[in-house]
Amino acid sequence: MAAVANLQYGWTLFVDPIDSKFHWGRPAIQWAFTLFVFIETWLVPVEGYLVDRFGPRVVVIGGGILVAIAWSLNSMASSLAMLYLAAAVGGVGTGAVYGTCVGNALKWFPTRRGLAAGITAAGFGVGAAVTIAPISTMINSSGYQHAFLFFGLLQGLIVFVAAWGLLLAPPSLIALAPKKSQSPISFTPVEVLSTPVFYVMYVMFVLVAAGGLVLIANMAPMAKDLKVANATVDVLGMSVVAGTFAIKAQRIFDGIGRPFFGWVSDHIGRENTMAIAFLTGAAALLMMTQFGTSPLAFVLVSTLYFAVFGEIYSLFPATQGDTFGARYAAANAGMLYTAKGTATVLVPFATALAAAQGWNTILTIAMCGNLVAAALALLVMKPMRVKHFEAIRARTAGTAAAPPPGTAPSTI
């Protein structure tokens, strides 16, 4: 997971160097990011199905090979078409790694799904923190093409080697569901698509992910536009460059936030934790509109935002695992993960809107998305899941002839 993080989180470092060389414009270049995330997410259900059927190892090995090919192609891209092709290859490879690892974690640790998904997703969130500075240095010293090739081959090799250690969870763990808020019955992907609660989760995921993905793709250009990218600030007694340090700090706290909020949700509930994180994110976005032109405030507030943004990648997989059971967890988590792909379609449009109206417009829209998602978590999803589990208990106890429409689960 850490080895594929740069394909998403390191991308922002390459946008302006690519534009400086070819002058394609940021919106056109950012379509590569959109294509990458769209393919990464929308193929995860297929990859999850393959994991559920054949195990995780072979899927991730293939992913590692594609990851190496993707950035190698980026290093040679002299046209937008080739840049988009590389993004598509990278999307398939990253999706194979991401969907497999998170889905497998949900199966291995059914009683601590929030923490398990959070730790696993933390690799994707914090993985880029270690390499942000080296990539930036290599871009400045050797050019972005060299950085693409070197790190592409390195990351692909790491994934390939690590994949051999993956194992499928044993049936005894897959069938375990001791908690009241966990389904003892596994829903097939088709059955999941017939449940209204899945679509509520999907809308919430899109609302929160859209703002974060826009900022991830544009953090370096945004810092440049706000004139804080090259400013020097003092943080904990250290003098650092605001733009580069902000991206590094964001990755670290994004990674820390994923297992932390996953752990919290294991104790106080998924919906309550979502509301806390979404509201905190909205507050951070509001502060960014007010103080984002201050280099120190830019570093601190943007880091706070990403510290509570990454939890969507632990809380939503854990919530769907609890709601729909473990046997088909990889495929079902993959279907929900396509919400990220839906959200990323907005990235190039938001980039163009920011150029026309400024970043405060984008930040305000993202803030509203967080507020709506927080309300949905407490007022809509929470009562829906209560009814969902009541229907399952009634069915398994034989006290009801049939569950409500759209909630009939299959047996394992």
Protein backbone atom coordinates (compact mmCIF):
# COMPACT_ATOMS: atom_id res chain seq x y z
CA MET A 1 0.00 0.00 0.00
CA ALA A 2 2.81 2.41 0.86
CA ALA A 3 4.56 1.59 -2.42
CA VAL A 4 1.58 2.64 -4.57
CA ALA A 5 0.75 5.80 -2.59
CA ASN A 6 2.78 8.11 -4.83
CA LEU A 7 0.68 7.28 -7.88
CA GLN A 8 -2.04 9.37 -6.25
CA TYR A 9 -0.39 11.56 -3.61
CA GLY A 10 2.87 12.27 -5.41
CA TRP A 11 1.14 13.30 -8.63
CA THR A 12 0.74 16.94 -7.59
CA LEU A 13 4.54 17.40 -7.70
CA PHE A 14 4.60 16.57 -11.42
CA VAL A 15 1.73 18.78 -12.65
CA ASP A 16 3.58 22.07 -13.03
CA PRO A 17 6.83 20.52 -14.39
CA ILE A 18 4.82 18.69 -17.07
CA ASP A 19 2.95 21.90 -17.93
CA SER A 20 6.21 23.87 -18.07
CA LYS A 21 7.62 21.43 -20.62
CA PHE A 22 4.59 20.88 -22.86
CA HIS A 23 2.20 23.77 -22.00
CA TRP A 24 -0.88 21.56 -22.09
CA GLY A 25 -2.54 23.47 -19.23
CA ARG A 26 -3.36 22.21 -15.76
CA PRO A 27 -6.97 21.13 -16.50
CA ALA A 28 -5.84 18.94 -19.42
CA ILE A 29 -3.03 17.41 -17.36
CA GLN A 30 -5.38 16.78 -14.44
CA TRP A 31 -7.57 14.62 -16.65
CA ALA A 32 -4.79 12.06 -16.25
CA PHE A 33 -5.34 12.14 -12.48
CA THR A 34 -9.08 11.77 -12.99
CA LEU A 35 -8.61 8.85 -15.36
CA PHE A 36 -6.19 7.20 -12.94
CA VAL A 37 -8.54 7.39 -9.96
CA PHE A 38 -11.61 6.51 -12.02
CA ILE A 39 -10.05 3.32 -13.35
CA GLU A 40 -8.39 2.54 -10.02
CA THR A 41 -11.74 2.57 -8.27
CA TRP A 42 -14.16 1.25 -10.87
CA LEU A 43 -12.18 -1.92 -11.51
CA VAL A 44 -11.77 -2.74 -7.79
CA PRO A 45 -15.06 -4.72 -7.67
CA VAL A 46 -13.72 -6.98 -10.44
CA GLU A 47 -10.37 -7.31 -8.71
CA GLY A 48 -12.18 -7.94 -5.42
CA TYR A 49 -14.15 -10.72 -7.05
CA LEU A 50 -10.89 -12.30 -8.22
CA VAL A 51 -9.47 -12.03 -4.68
CA ASP A 52 -12.58 -13.63 -3.16
CA ARG A 53 -12.27 -16.45 -5.68
CA PHE A 54 -8.51 -17.01 -6.11
CA GLY A 55 -6.83 -15.29 -3.16
CA PRO A 56 -4.86 -12.04 -2.83
CA ARG A 57 -1.35 -12.96 -3.94
CA VAL A 58 -1.75 -13.26 -7.71
CA VAL A 59 -3.84 -10.08 -7.97
CA VAL A 60 -1.25 -7.96 -6.14
CA ILE A 61 1.65 -9.42 -8.13
CA GLY A 62 -0.08 -8.28 -11.30
CA GLY A 63 -0.70 -4.90 -9.72
CA GLY A 64 2.98 -4.42 -8.93
CA ILE A 65 3.98 -5.09 -12.53
CA LEU A 66 1.43 -2.57 -13.83
CA VAL A 67 2.55 0.07 -11.32
CA ALA A 68 6.12 -0.14 -12.64
CA ILE A 69 4.92 0.07 -16.25
CA ALA A 70 2.68 3.09 -15.55
CA TRP A 71 5.33 5.49 -14.27
CA SER A 72 7.82 4.21 -16.85
CA LEU A 73 5.32 5.30 -19.51
CA ASN A 74 4.92 8.66 -17.76
CA SER A 75 8.66 9.19 -18.05
CA MET A 76 8.41 8.87 -21.84
CA ALA A 77 5.04 10.59 -22.42
CA SER A 78 5.30 13.31 -25.05
CA SER A 79 1.56 13.61 -25.68
CA LEU A 80 -1.58 13.81 -23.58
CA ALA A 81 -2.74 10.51 -25.07
CA MET A 82 0.33 8.71 -23.72
CA LEU A 83 -0.04 10.45 -20.36
CA TYR A 84 -3.64 9.25 -20.18
CA LEU A 85 -2.61 5.71 -21.17
CA ALA A 86 -0.07 5.65 -18.35
CA ALA A 87 -2.74 6.87 -15.95
CA ALA A 88 -5.06 4.05 -17.01
CA VAL A 89 -2.36 1.40 -16.52
CA GLY A 90 -1.48 2.87 -13.13
CA GLY A 91 -5.13 2.89 -12.15
CA VAL A 92 -5.51 -0.82 -12.84
CA GLY A 93 -2.34 -1.64 -10.91
CA THR A 94 -3.07 0.55 -7.91
CA GLY A 95 -6.66 -0.68 -7.71
CA ALA A 96 -5.45 -4.27 -7.68
CA VAL A 97 -3.19 -3.52 -4.72
CA TYR A 98 -5.56 -1.25 -2.80
CA GLY A 99 -8.73 -3.28 -3.18
CA THR A 100 -6.99 -6.53 -2.32
CA CYS A 101 -5.23 -5.29 0.80
CA VAL A 102 -8.23 -3.50 2.34
CA GLY A 103 -10.66 -6.30 1.47
CA ASN A 104 -8.35 -8.93 2.96
CA ALA A 105 -7.93 -6.90 6.17
CA LEU A 106 -11.71 -6.83 6.65
CA LYS A 107 -11.72 -10.64 6.53
CA TRP A 108 -8.75 -11.21 8.83
CA PHE A 109 -9.95 -8.95 11.66
CA PRO A 110 -13.79 -9.02 11.82
CA THR A 111 -14.00 -7.74 15.41
CA ARG A 112 -11.70 -4.77 14.76
CA ARG A 113 -12.53 -3.86 11.18
CA GLY A 114 -12.18 -0.13 11.73
CA LEU A 115 -8.66 -0.39 13.11
CA ALA A 116 -7.61 -3.08 10.62
CA ALA A 117 -8.88 -1.16 7.59
CA GLY A 118 -7.36 2.01 9.02
CA ILE A 119 -3.90 0.53 9.50
CA THR A 120 -3.99 -0.99 6.02
CA ALA A 121 -5.23 2.22 4.40
CA ALA A 122 -2.65 4.18 6.39
CA GLY A 123 0.02 2.68 4.16
CA PHE A 124 -1.62 4.40 1.20
CA GLY A 125 -2.06 7.64 3.14
CA VAL A 126 1.35 7.96 4.77
CA GLY A 127 3.42 6.05 2.22
CA ALA A 128 4.09 9.12 0.12
CA ALA A 129 5.37 11.10 3.12
CA VAL A 130 8.72 9.29 3.02
CA THR A 131 9.25 9.96 -0.67
CA ILE A 132 7.73 13.42 -1.22
CA ALA A 133 11.01 15.22 -0.47
CA PRO A 134 13.22 12.80 -2.51
CA ILE A 135 10.86 12.99 -5.49
CA SER A 136 10.78 16.78 -5.31
CA THR A 137 14.57 16.90 -5.08
CA MET A 138 14.98 14.51 -8.01
CA ILE A 139 12.54 16.51 -10.14
CA ASN A 140 14.54 19.69 -9.47
CA SER A 141 17.93 18.08 -10.04
CA SER A 142 17.33 15.47 -12.76
CA GLY A 143 13.96 16.33 -14.26
CA TYR A 144 10.52 14.88 -13.71
CA GLN A 145 11.03 12.14 -16.34
CA HIS A 146 13.91 10.64 -14.37
CA ALA A 147 11.87 10.79 -11.16
CA PHE A 148 8.96 8.99 -12.83
CA LEU A 149 11.20 6.19 -14.12
CA PHE A 150 13.27 5.66 -10.97
CA PHE A 151 10.40 5.66 -8.49
CA GLY A 152 8.10 3.75 -10.83
CA LEU A 153 10.50 0.81 -11.06
CA LEU A 154 11.31 0.97 -7.34
CA GLN A 155 7.67 1.02 -6.24
CA GLY A 156 6.67 -1.76 -8.61
CA LEU A 157 9.49 -3.98 -7.33
CA ILE A 158 8.46 -3.45 -3.70
CA VAL A 159 4.85 -4.43 -4.45
CA PHE A 160 5.95 -7.50 -6.38
CA VAL A 161 8.14 -8.76 -3.52
CA ALA A 162 5.67 -7.96 -0.73
CA ALA A 163 2.79 -9.68 -2.54
CA TRP A 164 4.28 -13.12 -1.86
CA GLY A 165 3.51 -12.72 1.85
CA LEU A 166 -0.26 -12.28 1.41
CA LEU A 167 -2.63 -15.02 2.57
CA LEU A 168 -6.42 -15.39 2.44
CA ALA A 169 -8.21 -15.33 5.78
CA PRO A 170 -9.42 -18.75 7.04
CA PRO A 171 -13.17 -19.57 6.91
CA SER A 172 -13.41 -19.56 10.71
CA LEU A 173 -12.62 -15.83 10.76
CA ILE A 174 -14.75 -15.02 7.73
CA ALA A 175 -17.81 -16.54 9.43
CA LEU A 176 -17.20 -14.78 12.77
CA ALA A 177 -19.60 -11.91 13.62
CA PRO A 178 -20.04 -11.62 17.38
CA LYS A 179 -21.09 -7.98 17.59
CA LYS A 180 -24.64 -6.68 17.54
CA SER A 181 -23.74 -4.22 14.78
CA GLN A 182 -22.25 -6.88 12.49
CA SER A 183 -24.05 -9.13 10.07
CA PRO A 184 -23.63 -12.89 10.70
CA ILE A 185 -24.73 -13.46 7.09
CA SER A 186 -22.75 -12.53 3.99
CA PHE A 187 -24.51 -10.54 1.27
CA THR A 188 -23.47 -11.15 -2.32
CA PRO A 189 -22.61 -8.08 -4.42
CA VAL A 190 -25.96 -8.33 -6.22
CA GLU A 191 -27.82 -8.36 -2.89
CA VAL A 192 -25.80 -5.40 -1.64
CA LEU A 193 -26.92 -3.38 -4.66
CA SER A 194 -30.55 -3.96 -3.66
CA THR A 195 -30.13 -2.36 -0.20
CA PRO A 196 -30.87 1.37 0.21
CA VAL A 197 -28.22 1.79 2.93
CA PHE A 198 -25.49 1.05 0.38
CA TYR A 199 -26.52 4.05 -1.71
CA VAL A 200 -26.59 6.35 1.32
CA MET A 201 -23.02 5.31 2.10
CA TYR A 202 -22.11 5.85 -1.55
CA VAL A 203 -23.46 9.43 -1.63
CA MET A 204 -21.67 10.27 1.63
CA PHE A 205 -18.42 8.87 0.28
CA VAL A 206 -18.68 11.00 -2.88
CA LEU A 207 -19.50 14.18 -0.93
CA VAL A 208 -16.42 13.93 1.26
CA ALA A 209 -14.00 12.37 -1.23
CA ALA A 210 -14.61 14.99 -3.92
CA GLY A 211 -13.16 17.87 -1.93
CA GLY A 212 -10.17 15.89 -0.72
CA LEU A 213 -9.29 14.58 -4.18
CA VAL A 214 -9.44 18.06 -5.70
CA LEU A 215 -7.00 19.33 -3.04
CA ILE A 216 -4.72 16.28 -3.36
CA ALA A 217 -4.40 16.75 -7.11
CA ASN A 218 -3.86 20.51 -6.81
CA MET A 219 -2.02 21.05 -3.52
CA ALA A 220 1.27 22.14 -5.12
CA PRO A 221 -0.40 24.41 -7.73
CA MET A 222 -2.73 25.76 -5.03
CA ALA A 223 0.22 26.64 -2.77
CA LYS A 224 1.82 28.39 -5.75
CA ASP A 225 -1.34 30.36 -6.52
CA LEU A 226 -1.70 31.43 -2.87
CA LYS A 227 1.97 32.51 -2.94
CA VAL A 228 2.99 30.28 -0.04
CA ALA A 229 4.76 27.48 -1.94
CA ASN A 230 8.29 28.82 -1.53
CA ALA A 231 7.80 30.71 1.74
CA THR A 232 9.91 29.66 4.71
CA VAL A 233 8.14 28.96 7.99
CA ASP A 234 9.27 27.82 11.44
CA VAL A 235 7.63 24.59 12.60
CA LEU A 236 8.75 23.06 15.91
CA GLY A 237 11.99 24.97 15.76
CA MET A 238 12.72 23.94 12.18
CA SER A 239 12.85 26.26 9.18
CA VAL A 240 11.03 24.57 6.31
CA VAL A 241 9.65 25.41 2.86
CA ALA A 242 5.87 25.70 3.28
CA GLY A 243 4.76 24.03 0.04
CA THR A 244 6.84 20.86 0.24
CA PHE A 245 6.53 20.52 4.01
CA ALA A 246 2.75 20.91 3.87
CA ILE A 247 2.39 17.99 1.45
CA LYS A 248 4.69 15.82 3.59
CA ALA A 249 2.85 16.71 6.81
CA GLN A 250 -0.50 16.07 5.14
CA ARG A 251 0.58 12.55 4.17
CA ILE A 252 1.83 11.76 7.67
CA PHE A 253 -1.30 12.94 9.45
CA ASP A 254 -3.56 11.48 6.76
CA GLY A 255 -1.91 8.14 7.48
CA ILE A 256 -2.19 8.53 11.26
CA GLY A 257 -5.84 9.55 11.04
CA ARG A 258 -6.94 6.40 9.23
CA PRO A 259 -6.16 3.84 11.98
CA PHE A 260 -6.98 6.36 14.73
CA PHE A 261 -10.51 7.03 13.52
CA GLY A 262 -10.93 3.37 12.65
CA TRP A 263 -10.05 2.49 16.24
CA VAL A 264 -12.39 5.17 17.57
CA SER A 265 -15.23 3.84 15.41
CA ASP A 266 -14.72 0.34 16.82
CA HIS A 267 -15.63 1.83 20.22
CA ILE A 268 -18.15 4.64 19.66
CA GLY A 269 -19.74 3.53 16.37
CA ARG A 270 -19.10 4.22 12.70
CA GLU A 271 -21.69 6.96 12.19
CA ASN A 272 -20.70 8.93 15.30
CA THR A 273 -17.05 8.86 14.25
CA MET A 274 -17.91 9.93 10.71
CA ALA A 275 -19.85 12.93 12.00
CA ILE A 276 -16.94 14.05 14.20
CA ALA A 277 -14.42 13.73 11.35
CA PHE A 278 -16.62 15.36 8.71
CA LEU A 279 -17.45 18.35 10.92
CA THR A 280 -13.79 18.83 11.81
CA GLY A 281 -12.92 18.73 8.12
CA ALA A 282 -15.56 21.36 7.38
CA ALA A 283 -14.08 23.61 10.08
CA ALA A 284 -10.58 23.19 8.61
CA LEU A 285 -11.83 24.11 5.13
CA LEU A 286 -13.53 27.21 6.53
CA MET A 287 -10.28 28.25 8.22
CA MET A 288 -8.43 27.69 4.95
CA THR A 289 -10.67 30.22 3.20
CA GLN A 290 -9.84 32.78 5.88
CA PHE A 291 -6.14 32.18 6.56
CA GLY A 292 -4.84 30.14 3.61
CA THR A 293 -2.59 32.94 2.32
CA SER A 294 -0.51 32.76 5.50
CA PRO A 295 2.29 30.19 4.96
CA LEU A 296 2.14 28.86 8.53
CA ALA A 297 -1.66 28.72 8.55
CA PHE A 298 -1.59 26.97 5.17
CA VAL A 299 0.66 24.24 6.58
CA LEU A 300 -1.26 23.77 9.83
CA VAL A 301 -4.84 24.00 8.54
CA SER A 302 -4.29 21.87 5.44
CA THR A 303 -2.61 19.24 7.63
CA LEU A 304 -5.60 19.29 10.00
CA TYR A 305 -7.95 18.77 7.07
CA PHE A 306 -6.10 15.74 5.75
CA ALA A 307 -5.77 14.31 9.26
CA VAL A 308 -9.56 13.89 9.27
CA PHE A 309 -10.05 13.32 5.53
CA GLY A 310 -8.29 9.97 5.20
CA GLU A 311 -10.63 8.27 7.66
CA ILE A 312 -13.13 7.71 4.83
CA TYR A 313 -10.80 4.96 3.63
CA SER A 314 -11.09 3.11 6.93
CA LEU A 315 -14.61 3.93 8.08
CA PHE A 316 -16.50 3.19 4.87
CA PRO A 317 -14.87 -0.21 4.23
CA ALA A 318 -15.38 -1.17 7.87
CA THR A 319 -19.00 -0.03 7.79
CA GLN A 320 -19.80 -2.04 4.68
CA GLY A 321 -18.00 -5.07 6.14
CA ASP A 322 -20.14 -4.87 9.28
CA THR A 323 -23.31 -4.27 7.30
CA PHE A 324 -22.92 -6.91 4.61
CA GLY A 325 -20.67 -9.61 6.10
CA ALA A 326 -17.16 -10.85 5.42
CA ARG A 327 -17.24 -13.53 2.73
CA TYR A 328 -17.64 -11.10 -0.17
CA ALA A 329 -15.93 -8.20 1.63
CA ALA A 330 -13.33 -7.54 -1.07
CA ALA A 331 -15.89 -7.28 -3.88
CA ASN A 332 -18.41 -5.34 -1.78
CA ALA A 333 -15.78 -2.91 -0.51
CA GLY A 334 -14.72 -2.48 -4.13
CA MET A 335 -18.21 -1.48 -5.19
CA LEU A 336 -18.33 1.17 -2.47
CA TYR A 337 -14.82 2.31 -3.36
CA THR A 338 -16.04 3.28 -6.84
CA ALA A 339 -17.47 6.36 -5.12
CA LYS A 340 -13.92 7.68 -5.13
CA GLY A 341 -13.87 7.28 -8.91
CA THR A 342 -17.16 9.12 -9.21
CA ALA A 343 -15.81 11.94 -7.07
CA THR A 344 -12.61 12.33 -9.05
CA VAL A 345 -14.55 13.24 -12.20
CA LEU A 346 -14.93 16.64 -10.56
CA VAL A 347 -11.16 17.27 -10.33
CA PRO A 348 -10.52 18.85 -13.77
CA PHE A 349 -13.74 20.87 -13.55
CA ALA A 350 -12.78 22.13 -10.10
CA THR A 351 -9.31 23.00 -11.39
CA ALA A 352 -10.86 25.10 -14.15
CA LEU A 353 -13.32 26.69 -11.69
CA ALA A 354 -10.46 27.58 -9.35
CA ALA A 355 -8.64 29.29 -12.23
CA ALA A 356 -11.75 31.34 -12.94
CA GLN A 357 -13.05 32.13 -9.45
CA GLY A 358 -10.24 31.33 -7.03
CA TRP A 359 -9.61 28.56 -4.52
CA ASN A 360 -12.02 29.90 -1.89
CA THR A 361 -14.93 28.83 -4.10
CA ILE A 362 -13.61 25.26 -4.21
CA LEU A 363 -12.93 25.20 -0.47
CA THR A 364 -16.44 26.43 0.30
CA ILE A 365 -18.06 23.77 -1.91
CA ALA A 366 -15.94 21.07 -0.25
CA MET A 367 -16.94 22.38 3.19
CA CYS A 368 -20.64 22.09 2.30
CA GLY A 369 -20.08 18.50 1.13
CA ASN A 370 -18.63 17.61 4.54
CA LEU A 371 -21.54 19.21 6.38
CA VAL A 372 -24.15 17.34 4.34
CA ALA A 373 -22.29 14.05 4.81
CA ALA A 374 -22.17 14.54 8.59
CA ALA A 375 -25.92 15.10 8.67
CA LEU A 376 -26.56 12.01 6.54
CA ALA A 377 -24.39 9.87 8.83
CA LEU A 378 -26.40 10.68 11.96
CA LEU A 379 -29.88 11.31 10.61
CA VAL A 380 -30.17 8.84 7.73
CA MET A 381 -27.55 6.09 7.73
CA LYS A 382 -27.60 5.38 11.45
CA PRO A 383 -31.34 4.60 11.72
CA MET A 384 -31.24 2.70 8.41
CA ARG A 385 -28.51 0.39 9.68
CA VAL A 386 -30.42 -0.23 12.91
CA LYS A 387 -33.41 -1.46 10.87
CA HIS A 388 -31.09 -3.46 8.62
CA PHE A 389 -29.66 -5.43 11.56
CA GLU A 390 -33.10 -5.89 13.12
CA ALA A 391 -34.27 -7.52 9.87
CA ILE A 392 -31.25 -9.84 9.83
CA ARG A 393 -31.77 -10.88 13.47
CA ALA A 394 -35.42 -11.54 12.79
CA ARG A 395 -34.55 -13.71 9.83
CA THR A 396 -31.81 -15.70 11.54
CA ALA A 397 -33.95 -16.19 14.66
CA GLY A 398 -36.89 -17.36 12.55
CA THR A 399 -39.21 -14.75 14.07
CA ALA A 400 -40.13 -13.22 10.71
CA ALA A 401 -41.30 -14.89 7.56
CA ALA A 402 -39.11 -12.61 5.48
CA PRO A 403 -37.05 -9.44 5.92
CA PRO A 404 -38.12 -6.11 4.44
CA PRO A 405 -37.72 -5.76 0.66
CA GLY A 406 -34.17 -5.23 -0.42
CA THR A 407 -32.56 -6.79 2.67
CA ALA A 408 -32.83 -10.50 1.98
CA PRO A 409 -29.32 -11.91 2.49
CA SER A 410 -27.83 -15.10 1.21
CA THR A 411 -26.40 -17.76 3.48
CA ILE A 412 -22.70 -18.49 3.44
